Amino acid sequence: MEQNGKLDVYLAVGHGVESNGVFDPGAIGTDGRQEHQEAFQVCTYALAAMRRSGLTVVSETAQGASHDPDFHGSALRANQLRPRVAIEVHFDWSGGVDGFSGLYSSAQGQALAQHIGTAFKARHLPRAADVHRTDLYFLNRTGMPALIPEIRRVHDWPDAQNRAQGEALAEGTCTFLGHAFRPPQEPGAASHPSQGPGTTPHSPQGPGATPHSPQGPGATPASPPAGHAAVTPASPLLGRASAPSTRAQQYLLARPHGGYSDGDVTRIVGLYYMTAIAVGLDPLLAVAQMAEETAHLTSFWSQRPRRNFAGIGVTGQPGAGLSFPDLKTAVHAHTGRLLAYALPSGTGSPAQNQLIDEALAARPLPPDLRGAATTLGGLAGTWAQDPQYAVKLAAVANAIGTDGS
């Protein structure tokens, strides 16, 4: 939930791409596992649980690698977004502490660490002492309660472990913010089962599920509210609008939207709906992807003068990414590219092919990706490497379609 329109959580992934474009993996486990990769996986599960519980979250798992390895970029981003709480997830080195430890500099940061630690212990996950640190930029230069969770020693932990660790991170954050944590909905499941290597996680759904869609890929969705059919990874990209444009507008206007005015947001949504409907593409799915890729129009690449609403050409290398001269061109580049994923070469109407040609003139699409995503699920591993990408997009679409708030 947002309190007085304020973003609840900024969730950052420790380490990643430095300002000079060099990738820093963080600590390396004895099994070769990179800290950044492990933190990314935990953050993916934490994001899903936070959104399922109704928190509003901007997470770096939706935007690629984190800003830099020494906490500066994430602190700057947190101060831009001004959330109620900022968290940057890390793992300790292979010879370090094997148990959750919160690094904090303020009393509020310490309280957040304690709540998260309690959630770790409830899941029978190892718990270590929290540590007061005054020398870390992310902790002492952020204008809100901040925490650096050191989850445990870096290691390629089983998926069930990382799911449990992400759930614990989310539950502790909910408790700190005074917001009810929504446990995974699985009939007969205990709220805090013991989880270790090889055990079954207590969360039945993939990352990104919402209170209205607690499923993972292929699962049967919960009954949607009247007037909105629940979106799942199996939802086709081509089809009628799954929700009216007014709900998409309300959803984006209720959240921080960077340098775009309310009028800009209304125009952007209008362009998406007009463009997508004209070529038979479900506009809700296009807007949901835009919202996820740009963190609700707040990301660097989405802002003027770049106007890149879908991370087109953004690779993490310095300066790599496309810019567009106006909003209409930007929306056409995104919707046309998405349409190319839905339609194999040699198919489609003249209007559809005209939009695809316009989009691919800006950046070509490998032939093997034409028609690779007739459903939302097809975008996972093609548009984005994140295997849970479609689940995240479905969650955003359902959040928009439910009530727009």
Foldseek 3Di string as FASTA:
>chain_A
DADVLAAAEEEAQAFAAELQLDGDQPAAAPVRFGFSVLSLLLQLLLQQQLQQLPHGYQYCNLAHHGYHNQQPRQQVVCQQRVHQEYEYETAAHNPDFFAKEKEAADPLLVQLSVLLQVLCVLQVGHHDYYHYDDPGCSHPVHPHGYIYIHGGHDDPFDSLVSNSSSNSNNRSSCVSVVGDGDAADDPPADRRYHDGPPDDHSHQAGGQAHNQASHHAPDDTHDAPPQADFAHQQAFQFAEARADLVLLLLQLVSHDAAPDDSVRSSVLSVLLNVLQVVFRGHSLLLSLQLCSNCVSNHRPCCDPPANARHQAQPDSRPPGGGRDRDSNLNSLLSSLCVLQQQAQPPDGDPSSVVSVVSNCVRPNDPNVSGNQPRGLQSCDCGVDVHNRRSSNSSSSSSSSRRRSD
